[in-house]
Amino acid sequence: MISRRNLLTGAAAAAGEQLRPQSAGRPNVVIILMDDLGCHDLGCQGAADLRTPNIDALAESGAIFSNWYSNAPLCAPARASLMTGRYPIRAGVPVNGRSLPPGEKTIAALLKDAGYKTALTGKWHLGSDAGAVPNAHGFDYFYGFHEGCVDYYSHRYYWGEPKRVNFHDLWRNREEIFEDGRYLTERIGEEAVQFIESAGAQPFFLYCPFNAPHYPMHAPRKYVELFPALDHERRIYAAMIAAADDSVGQILHALDRLGKREHTLIFFAGDNGATRETRAGLNQRPPTAGSNAPYRGFKFSLFDGGMHVPAAMSWPAVIPARQTIHEIGMTMDILPTVCLAAGATLPADRTIDGRDILPVAAARAPSPHDTIYWASGEQLAARRGKWKLVLQGMDYDGTPAGEKPLQGDDATFLSDLEENRGESRNLRHQHPDIADALATEAHRWLESVKQY
């Protein structure tokens, strides 16, 4: 039996294909990722005290997704899903500290096979061994670092002690390089522009994952001085975002200058919500700079504050401008969307969990997802339409209680996100059939992805 959703999706996909001009050919592809960014900490997301004119212009040129989710509430699993189009467990990276397995096919590898020139400028966080670095996963060019974060000026990793002594972590391809004193956000943007300029007539794929505004909280004085009215912690956070925004502007300007903007497909997204980790603060206390409001929870949480992230999609030749899309999308959707737009073949020997969302942005198709799922530590969650269920949820709000699973009735927490975006009211007893059905499906999903 064909569902109404499938009929609508199929019709919208056909409409989306008609919108794509034959003269456009295969688009260039740019994916821009920001790190630990609060869901509403951009001008286009409602922040009034920050300055993000370039990201705002990018969002205005296409579609903003108001219901976009990361596949995980922490860095490496979210990036594994982006690279593979698969749920993190299926991709072999359920937690931080795992390397992307050699057998996984990344967007870069698939587009390279399709004739694209590929590059990554920024944060990898999917392995540092010879078989796990970006050049081993389809990237022709790599500039950046392997670990989860580095000092923005010395480019050293300081967060492994006492198990690991701190070490330098900046690379060009497989060669360690030294650029002491140069602000990394600016360097990531400069390298991105240089790659775009070097592509010539060849279609290209650029993955540009900034580490801003992930800790450590470092920013050049010229950016800090833009925000004199903010408290010190928010001021540094705003400065870090402003630096990244300038680099986004340089990327957009390069595309315009080279006449490539019209036929370049750009995704912009966050990897997870803002954090309350003490090491991200400036005073040995949990930070307050990043905002996930009105959502509940922070980085590491399966409440929406952990992985309901800002996202925008732009392709001027195909996607109408100034849209807000309320349909559900997920980071794992980027791979199939990009590959289908580029004419790259999706691997047939594995499950690709993501779905093509170009029809959603180009022709107002409904979301291709009936239900989406997450698993992180003891937590398990599912969303179907307006209903969201979180099992063993944790807030990770910087308090001792926030690092423990909810107990009693709240260990099974059902929310109506249309009525209660902040997931503050538990409806499990009012709607036990919905809570039971989602819990059963979430456990079945978890068992199915664990088989890989």
Foldseek 3Di string as FASTA:
>chain_A
DDDPQNVLQVVLVVVLVVLFDPVLAFFFEEEEAEEQFAFQPAVCSPDPQFYQVQVNVQQQQFEWEQFEWQLALDDPQSVLLLFQLDRSLLQVDQDQPAARDLPGAGLLQLVVVVFAQEEEQEEARRDDDPCRDPVNRRHPWYWYFYHLDADQAFQKDPPPPPVDHIDHTTDIRNDDDGDHGDGRLLVSLVVLLVVLVPRPPTRYYYYRYYHPPFDPQDADPVLLVVRVPDDPFLSSNSSRSVSNSVSSVSNCVSCVVVVRQQRYKYKYKYSWHHAQDLNNDDPSAGDDNHHNPPAFADRLWPTCRSIRMIMHIHRNSAFHGRHYQHAYAYSSQNSVQSCVSRVGDDDPPDDNNHHHCSSCRRPVRHDPDQKDWHDHVPWIWMDGQQKIWIAQTARNNRDPRRVGGDDDPCNTAIDRCVVCVHSPDRCCVVCVVVSVVRVVVRVVVVVVSNVD
